[in-house]
Amino acid sequence: MGIDDTQRTGRHGSALPYRWLLGLCLILLTLSACRETPTPSPTSAPVSSPSPTPAVETLTPTPTPAPLGSAENPLQMGFVASLEDTQVVMNVDALADELTRTTGITVQGWILPTYEELLQAIDQREVHFAWLPPFTYIVAHNRGVANVALVSNHFGVTGYGFQILAHVESPFVSFFDPLTNQSIGDAQSALPQFQDRRPCWVDPQSASGYVVPLGAFAQLGLTLQEGVITLDPGSTIRALYVKGVCDFGATYATFGDPRTETSILQELPDVMSKVIVIWQSDPVIPNLNVTVSTALPTNLRQKIVDGLINTVKTEEGKAVISAANGYDIEDLEIVDDSMYDALRGYVEASGIPLRSLIGK
């Protein structure tokens, strides 16, 4: 039995076509697709923290040093003495004042207790010029920090030597003329006769009484017996006079003779005929000098040299210079380092370390 039209229709008898249902489905799908998709909120970019602004460094300007030789930056003149000796301090100050007046450069005296400390001050360019004995000067020059400018004239000479003496009854031949006060032969002629003999030495640091004569013997390849240390030239003369203590002795010469000391002549009136000179060296040991730092500008060096020379030319100036040094200075002469060549040779030959001679 087939389906009739009633069975095919709806309740009210109207037909529900498939096309309409399909259209409805399409409409519903379209509405669903058109539903608005929410737009995501934009992500904020990370905000960079600003770099800290570096603080502006405030530089303190370096003060310009006052010119060397001005009142604020005086030249330092070095001495070795005791600060407890008020008279020495006054004399040094007086010389500094005199140089300030004559040169137009402000000079200040600087007293140090030892030559080691004075050399250190020269090394560090704290002392600009100084008064130095010969061995101490050589040490300063060897360090490359100083050069000699002036040497003092002491008792009419700028240097001194050594002499070899013996008792007149000794077997030694004299190579010395007392009338001219000069040697009549060289060291190579006079000194070999002392081979293996016993000397009297003044002091292991004495330039004329030990170091230089020892070097003279060594230069000739001569050997000596162990020496007797007498501690002063007068004692060497006395030892030779009495005989038996040593065979010969060495003392200073050129600017004086220990045999003529008042105490010796009073004690030994015939000493000049009993103790005789066998040989005398040239004046190879320079006197006290003025040493200038290599750091001192040439123009200031020249002003100091001229100022000292002008000062020593007057009696008042000569007295001030001598008093400041505790040493009789009659004049000052311009010299160069070659004046010390012979002395260097003797010291080197002696084998004595230069450092042990600082202060001499």
Protein backbone atom coordinates (compact mmCIF):
# COMPACT_ATOMS: atom_id res chain seq x y z
CA MET A 1 0.00 0.00 0.00
CA GLY A 2 1.63 3.25 -1.10
CA ILE A 3 1.97 6.44 0.76
CA ASP A 4 -0.72 8.90 -0.06
CA ASP A 5 -0.46 12.63 -0.20
CA THR A 6 -1.70 12.96 3.39
CA GLN A 7 1.23 11.11 4.67
CA ARG A 8 3.62 13.35 2.70
CA THR A 9 2.30 16.65 4.08
CA GLY A 10 2.53 18.36 7.36
CA ARG A 11 0.00 18.60 9.94
CA HIS A 12 -1.89 21.26 8.14
CA GLY A 13 -1.59 19.49 4.94
CA SER A 14 1.15 21.85 3.48
CA ALA A 15 4.31 20.36 1.92
CA LEU A 16 7.83 21.11 3.51
CA PRO A 17 10.18 21.12 0.58
CA TYR A 18 13.84 19.99 1.04
CA ARG A 19 15.14 23.11 -0.74
CA TRP A 20 13.86 25.36 1.95
CA LEU A 21 15.57 23.34 4.63
CA LEU A 22 18.80 23.53 2.75
CA GLY A 23 18.51 27.29 2.46
CA LEU A 24 17.87 27.63 6.14
CA CYS A 25 21.00 25.68 6.92
CA LEU A 26 23.05 27.91 4.66
CA ILE A 27 21.71 31.01 6.35
CA LEU A 28 22.59 29.67 9.78
CA LEU A 29 26.12 28.80 8.66
CA THR A 30 26.62 32.25 7.21
CA LEU A 31 25.50 33.95 10.41
CA SER A 32 27.90 31.80 12.41
CA ALA A 33 30.83 32.65 10.13
CA CYS A 34 30.10 36.34 10.27
CA ARG A 35 30.20 36.44 14.06
CA GLU A 36 32.96 39.08 14.94
CA THR A 37 36.25 37.57 16.06
CA PRO A 38 37.64 39.70 18.92
CA THR A 39 40.78 41.63 17.98
CA PRO A 40 43.60 40.88 20.41
CA SER A 41 44.81 43.81 22.41
CA PRO A 42 48.17 45.03 21.19
CA THR A 43 51.08 43.95 23.41
CA SER A 44 52.93 46.98 24.78
CA ALA A 45 56.60 47.08 23.88
CA PRO A 46 58.85 46.88 26.95
CA VAL A 47 59.92 50.31 28.07
CA SER A 48 63.74 50.50 28.42
CA SER A 49 64.96 52.14 31.56
CA PRO A 50 67.00 55.17 30.64
CA SER A 51 70.76 54.69 31.14
CA PRO A 52 72.01 56.68 34.07
CA THR A 53 73.79 59.83 33.02
CA PRO A 54 77.36 59.61 34.20
CA ALA A 55 78.29 62.16 36.77
CA VAL A 56 80.52 64.90 35.42
CA GLU A 57 83.95 64.52 37.09
CA THR A 58 85.23 67.74 38.51
CA LEU A 59 89.00 67.90 37.99
CA THR A 60 91.01 69.91 40.43
CA PRO A 61 93.55 71.87 38.44
CA THR A 62 97.18 71.00 39.28
CA PRO A 63 98.84 74.10 40.64
CA THR A 64 101.76 75.34 38.58
CA PRO A 65 104.93 75.09 40.73
CA ALA A 66 106.71 78.30 41.48
CA PRO A 67 109.84 78.88 39.36
CA LEU A 68 112.97 77.25 40.75
CA GLY A 69 115.02 79.86 42.52
CA SER A 70 112.00 81.93 43.56
CA ALA A 71 111.14 82.70 47.17
CA GLU A 72 108.45 79.98 47.05
CA ASN A 73 110.83 77.41 45.51
CA PRO A 74 114.40 78.24 46.60
CA LEU A 75 117.56 76.50 45.52
CA GLN A 76 118.79 74.14 48.24
CA MET A 77 122.49 74.30 49.17
CA GLY A 78 123.59 71.15 51.00
CA PHE A 79 125.96 70.80 53.96
CA VAL A 80 126.75 68.08 56.48
CA ALA A 81 126.90 69.26 60.07
CA SER A 82 125.08 69.01 63.36
CA LEU A 83 121.88 71.02 63.67
CA GLU A 84 122.65 71.29 67.35
CA ASP A 85 125.61 73.50 66.50
CA THR A 86 123.80 76.82 66.36
CA GLN A 87 126.90 78.64 65.15
CA VAL A 88 127.15 76.39 62.09
CA VAL A 89 123.46 76.92 61.35
CA MET A 90 123.94 80.67 61.55
CA ASN A 91 126.98 80.55 59.26
CA VAL A 92 125.13 78.44 56.65
CA ASP A 93 122.17 80.81 56.76
CA ALA A 94 124.51 83.77 56.36
CA LEU A 95 126.06 82.25 53.21
CA ALA A 96 122.62 81.46 51.78
CA ASP A 97 121.54 85.05 52.41
CA GLU A 98 124.69 86.38 50.77
CA LEU A 99 124.16 84.25 47.65
CA THR A 100 120.52 85.33 47.50
CA ARG A 101 121.65 88.94 47.58
CA THR A 102 124.42 88.60 44.98
CA THR A 103 122.63 86.32 42.48
CA GLY A 104 119.01 87.41 42.67
CA ILE A 105 118.11 83.75 43.19
CA THR A 106 116.62 82.63 46.49
CA VAL A 107 119.05 80.19 48.12
CA GLN A 108 118.37 78.20 51.25
CA GLY A 109 120.88 76.22 53.29
CA TRP A 110 120.01 72.60 54.05
CA ILE A 111 122.05 70.90 56.77
CA LEU A 112 121.98 67.10 56.88
CA PRO A 113 123.58 64.91 59.57
CA THR A 114 125.45 62.51 57.23
CA TYR A 115 126.90 62.43 53.73
CA GLU A 116 124.78 59.36 52.99
CA GLU A 117 121.68 61.48 53.53
CA LEU A 118 123.12 64.36 51.54
CA LEU A 119 123.84 62.06 48.60
CA GLN A 120 120.30 60.71 48.81
CA ALA A 121 118.92 64.25 48.71
CA ILE A 122 121.03 64.96 45.61
CA ASP A 123 119.80 61.69 44.05
CA GLN A 124 116.21 62.77 44.62
CA ARG A 125 116.88 66.27 43.24
CA GLU A 126 116.05 67.88 46.55
CA VAL A 127 119.50 69.44 46.98
CA HIS A 128 120.66 71.48 43.99
CA PHE A 129 124.29 72.09 44.93
CA ALA A 130 126.48 71.00 47.81
CA TRP A 131 129.96 71.14 49.33
CA LEU A 132 131.57 67.69 49.04
CA PRO A 133 134.93 66.08 49.87
CA PRO A 134 136.66 64.18 47.03
CA PHE A 135 135.62 60.55 47.53
CA THR A 136 132.03 61.55 48.23
CA TYR A 137 131.97 63.60 45.06
CA ILE A 138 133.19 60.64 42.98
CA VAL A 139 130.33 58.54 44.38
CA ALA A 140 127.80 61.24 43.42
CA HIS A 141 129.30 61.62 39.94
CA ASN A 142 129.36 57.86 39.38
CA ARG A 143 125.62 57.79 40.09
CA GLY A 144 125.13 60.30 37.28
CA VAL A 145 123.43 62.89 39.48
CA ALA A 146 126.11 65.55 39.93
CA ASN A 147 129.13 67.28 38.43
CA VAL A 148 131.87 69.32 40.04
CA ALA A 149 131.71 73.05 39.36
CA LEU A 150 134.29 74.62 41.71
CA VAL A 151 137.15 73.46 43.88
CA SER A 152 138.39 75.36 46.91
CA ASN A 153 141.83 76.84 47.28
CA HIS A 154 143.04 75.83 50.73
CA PHE A 155 146.35 77.27 51.94
CA GLY A 156 147.25 78.29 48.40
CA VAL A 157 146.55 74.97 46.63
CA THR A 158 143.48 73.25 45.15
CA GLY A 159 144.66 69.75 45.99
CA TYR A 160 147.17 67.84 48.05
CA GLY A 161 149.22 64.67 47.83
CA PHE A 162 150.93 62.11 50.03
CA GLN A 163 154.50 61.61 51.09
CA ILE A 164 156.49 58.56 52.13
CA LEU A 165 158.76 59.12 55.13
CA ALA A 166 161.32 57.02 56.99
CA HIS A 167 163.94 57.38 59.68
CA VAL A 168 167.16 58.87 58.39
CA GLU A 169 169.05 55.73 59.48
CA SER A 170 166.84 53.43 57.42
CA PRO A 171 168.28 51.77 54.30
CA PHE A 172 165.99 53.65 51.93
CA VAL A 173 167.21 56.06 49.26
CA SER A 174 165.50 59.44 49.17
CA PHE A 175 164.05 60.71 45.90
CA PHE A 176 163.11 64.08 47.32
CA ASP A 177 164.85 67.45 47.34
CA PRO A 178 164.00 69.36 50.55
CA LEU A 179 165.35 72.60 49.08
CA THR A 180 162.85 72.66 46.22
CA ASN A 181 160.27 70.63 48.12
CA GLN A 182 159.85 68.38 45.09
CA SER A 183 160.49 64.77 44.21
CA ILE A 184 163.42 64.06 41.91
CA GLY A 185 162.11 60.77 40.57
CA ASP A 186 158.81 59.12 39.78
CA ALA A 187 156.94 56.51 41.80
CA GLN A 188 158.35 53.66 39.73
CA SER A 189 161.85 54.74 40.71
CA ALA A 190 161.21 55.49 44.39
CA LEU A 191 158.64 52.99 45.68
CA PRO A 192 159.92 49.48 44.75
CA GLN A 193 162.45 49.65 47.62
CA PHE A 194 159.50 49.27 50.02
CA GLN A 195 158.52 45.83 48.74
CA ASP A 196 157.59 43.57 51.67
CA ARG A 197 158.20 46.34 54.21
CA ARG A 198 155.88 47.32 57.06
CA PRO A 199 154.04 50.64 56.69
CA CYS A 200 152.54 52.98 59.25
CA TRP A 201 149.09 54.06 57.98
CA VAL A 202 147.08 56.92 59.45
CA ASP A 203 143.55 55.57 59.04
CA PRO A 204 141.77 53.15 56.67
CA GLN A 205 139.68 56.06 55.32
CA SER A 206 142.50 58.60 55.10
CA ALA A 207 143.06 59.69 51.51
CA SER A 208 146.71 60.69 51.94
CA GLY A 209 147.55 58.43 54.87
CA TYR A 210 146.20 55.17 53.43
CA VAL A 211 143.98 54.96 50.34
CA VAL A 212 146.08 56.81 47.76
CA PRO A 213 149.54 55.54 48.82
CA LEU A 214 148.17 51.99 49.02
CA GLY A 215 146.86 52.45 45.49
CA ALA A 216 150.24 53.77 44.34
CA PHE A 217 152.01 50.66 45.61
CA ALA A 218 149.33 48.43 44.07
CA GLN A 219 149.67 50.13 40.67
CA LEU A 220 153.32 49.06 40.66
CA GLY A 221 152.46 45.50 41.72
CA LEU A 222 154.20 45.88 45.08
CA THR A 223 153.14 43.98 48.19
CA LEU A 224 153.57 45.18 51.75
CA GLN A 225 153.45 43.68 55.20
CA GLU A 226 150.40 44.29 57.33
CA GLY A 227 150.39 47.93 58.32
CA VAL A 228 150.23 49.66 61.69
CA ILE A 229 147.30 52.07 62.12
CA THR A 230 148.44 55.17 64.00
CA LEU A 231 145.15 57.15 63.79
CA ASP A 232 146.78 60.52 63.06
CA PRO A 233 149.77 61.88 61.07
CA GLY A 234 151.56 63.09 64.19
CA SER A 235 151.56 59.59 65.61
CA THR A 236 153.04 58.25 62.38
CA ILE A 237 155.89 60.75 62.69
CA ARG A 238 156.51 59.73 66.31
CA ALA A 239 156.52 56.03 65.38
CA LEU A 240 159.13 56.64 62.67
CA TYR A 241 161.21 58.78 65.00
CA VAL A 242 161.51 56.08 67.67
CA LYS A 243 162.06 53.30 65.09
CA GLY A 244 161.02 49.69 65.40
CA VAL A 245 157.28 50.24 64.95
CA CYS A 246 157.23 50.34 61.16
CA ASP A 247 159.69 50.73 58.28
CA PHE A 248 158.07 53.72 56.61
CA GLY A 249 154.98 55.89 56.90
CA ALA A 250 152.58 57.84 54.70
CA THR A 251 151.10 61.25 55.53
CA TYR A 252 149.60 64.27 53.78
CA ALA A 253 151.83 66.62 51.82
CA THR A 254 151.76 69.68 49.53
CA PHE A 255 149.82 72.14 51.69
CA GLY A 256 151.64 71.21 54.85
CA ASP A 257 153.88 68.74 56.64
CA PRO A 258 152.96 67.00 59.90
CA ARG A 259 156.60 67.23 61.04
CA THR A 260 156.14 70.99 61.38
CA GLU A 261 153.13 70.79 63.69
CA THR A 262 153.78 72.78 66.84
CA SER A 263 153.23 69.84 69.17
CA ILE A 264 155.66 67.66 67.17
CA LEU A 265 158.40 70.30 67.05
CA GLN A 266 158.08 70.95 70.77
CA GLU A 267 158.28 67.25 71.56
CA LEU A 268 160.88 66.32 68.91
CA PRO A 269 162.93 69.42 68.04
CA ASP A 270 165.25 67.49 65.71
CA VAL A 271 162.45 65.68 63.88
CA MET A 272 163.18 67.33 60.51
CA SER A 273 166.62 65.75 60.42
CA LYS A 274 165.61 62.42 61.94
CA VAL A 275 162.48 61.69 59.89
CA ILE A 276 163.01 62.42 56.20
CA VAL A 277 160.87 62.42 53.08
CA ILE A 278 161.69 59.58 50.68
CA TRP A 279 159.19 60.53 47.97
CA GLN A 280 156.25 62.86 47.48
CA SER A 281 153.36 62.54 45.04
CA ASP A 282 151.71 65.20 42.94
CA PRO A 283 148.66 66.95 44.47
CA VAL A 284 146.22 64.29 43.22
CA ILE A 285 143.60 64.69 45.97
CA PRO A 286 141.29 67.66 45.25
CA ASN A 287 140.13 69.87 48.09
CA LEU A 288 136.53 70.42 49.17
CA ASN A 289 134.42 71.24 46.12
CA VAL A 290 131.10 72.68 45.01
CA THR A 291 129.08 69.94 43.34
CA VAL A 292 126.01 70.80 41.26
CA SER A 293 123.04 68.56 40.52
CA THR A 294 122.73 67.53 36.87
CA ALA A 295 119.04 68.47 37.17
CA LEU A 296 119.83 72.15 37.76
CA PRO A 297 119.19 74.23 34.62
CA THR A 298 122.33 75.66 33.01
CA ASN A 299 121.37 79.28 33.59
CA LEU A 300 120.86 78.72 37.32
CA ARG A 301 124.08 76.73 37.59
CA GLN A 302 125.99 79.61 36.01
CA LYS A 303 124.42 82.15 38.34
CA ILE A 304 125.40 80.10 41.39
CA VAL A 305 128.97 79.64 40.12
CA ASP A 306 129.30 83.36 39.39
CA GLY A 307 127.74 84.25 42.73
CA LEU A 308 130.18 82.09 44.70
CA ILE A 309 133.19 83.37 42.77
CA ASN A 310 132.13 86.98 43.31
CA THR A 311 131.46 86.32 46.98
CA VAL A 312 134.85 84.72 47.70
CA LYS A 313 136.66 87.68 46.08
CA THR A 314 135.78 89.91 49.03
CA GLU A 315 137.21 89.48 52.51
CA GLU A 316 133.73 89.44 54.01
CA GLY A 317 132.53 86.86 51.52
CA LYS A 318 135.60 84.69 52.00
CA ALA A 319 134.99 84.71 55.75
CA VAL A 320 131.32 83.74 55.29
CA ILE A 321 132.17 80.83 52.95
CA SER A 322 134.94 79.57 55.25
CA ALA A 323 132.76 79.82 58.35
CA ALA A 324 129.87 77.95 56.71
CA ASN A 325 132.21 75.06 55.83
CA GLY A 326 134.42 75.13 58.91
CA TYR A 327 137.31 75.05 56.45
CA ASP A 328 139.68 77.78 55.37
CA ILE A 329 138.83 78.73 51.78
CA GLU A 330 140.98 81.38 50.16
CA ASP A 331 139.46 81.14 46.70
CA LEU A 332 137.26 79.04 44.41
CA GLU A 333 138.39 77.83 40.98
CA ILE A 334 136.36 76.48 38.08
CA VAL A 335 137.27 72.85 37.32
CA ASP A 336 135.77 69.83 35.58
CA ASP A 337 135.54 66.16 36.40
CA SER A 338 138.91 65.29 34.81
CA MET A 339 140.55 66.69 37.95
CA TYR A 340 139.50 63.45 39.68
CA ASP A 341 140.88 60.97 37.14
CA ALA A 342 144.17 60.32 38.95
CA LEU A 343 142.38 59.87 42.28
CA ARG A 344 139.97 57.40 40.70
CA GLY A 345 142.91 55.38 39.45
CA TYR A 346 144.48 55.14 42.91
CA VAL A 347 141.20 54.16 44.56
CA GLU A 348 140.52 51.47 41.98
CA ALA A 349 144.03 50.04 42.37
CA SER A 350 143.72 50.03 46.17
CA GLY A 351 140.72 47.71 46.02
CA ILE A 352 138.90 49.76 48.65
CA PRO A 353 135.14 50.07 47.95
CA LEU A 354 134.24 53.67 47.19
CA ARG A 355 131.08 53.35 49.25
CA SER A 356 133.18 52.82 52.37
CA LEU A 357 134.82 56.21 51.73
CA ILE A 358 131.66 58.31 51.69
CA GLY A 359 132.27 61.30 53.92
CA LYS A 360 135.94 61.57 52.89
